[in-house]
Amino acid sequence: MFGGAPVSQEWIDKIGADGFADNAADAVRVAIELMESAGGKH
């Protein structure tokens, strides 16, 4: 999972990362979504 100003969604897609967020608050949301899709609990 990567994020912030130095990276773009295009780059994330190119390297095959599992998640992308623009900021820390969105990163929490993305992390929860990734865990839920993997069957984990938060």
Protein backbone atom coordinates (compact mmCIF):
# COMPACT_ATOMS: atom_id res chain seq x y z
CA MET A 1 0.00 0.00 0.00
CA PHE A 2 1.38 3.38 -1.03
CA GLY A 3 0.11 6.93 -1.05
CA GLY A 4 0.65 10.61 -0.81
CA ALA A 5 1.72 13.30 -3.21
CA PRO A 6 4.85 11.54 -4.58
CA VAL A 7 2.84 8.71 -6.16
CA SER A 8 -0.07 8.39 -8.56
CA GLN A 9 -2.78 5.79 -9.04
CA GLU A 10 -1.22 5.06 -12.45
CA TRP A 11 2.11 4.17 -10.81
CA ILE A 12 0.35 2.08 -8.17
CA ASP A 13 -1.41 0.10 -10.90
CA LYS A 14 1.85 -0.33 -12.80
CA ILE A 15 3.74 -1.81 -9.84
CA GLY A 16 0.80 -3.92 -8.68
CA ALA A 17 0.40 -2.50 -5.18
CA ASP A 18 -2.64 -3.56 -3.21
CA GLY A 19 -3.80 -0.09 -2.25
CA PHE A 20 -3.41 3.65 -2.72
CA ALA A 21 -4.51 6.62 -0.64
CA ASP A 22 -4.05 10.36 -1.01
CA ASN A 23 -3.70 10.93 2.74
CA ALA A 24 -3.53 9.16 6.11
CA ALA A 25 -7.28 9.25 6.74
CA ASP A 26 -7.99 7.64 3.38
CA ALA A 27 -5.20 5.11 4.01
CA VAL A 28 -7.09 3.83 7.05
CA ARG A 29 -10.23 3.38 4.95
CA VAL A 30 -8.29 1.56 2.21
CA ALA A 31 -6.54 -0.68 4.74
CA ILE A 32 -9.88 -1.67 6.29
CA GLU A 33 -11.33 -2.40 2.86
CA LEU A 34 -8.31 -4.57 1.99
CA MET A 35 -8.59 -6.51 5.24
CA GLU A 36 -12.33 -7.04 4.77
CA SER A 37 -11.86 -8.27 1.22
CA ALA A 38 -9.25 -10.75 2.51
CA GLY A 39 -11.68 -12.01 5.14
CA GLY A 40 -10.00 -10.30 8.09
CA LYS A 41 -11.59 -8.40 10.94
CA HIS A 42 -10.83 -4.84 11.98
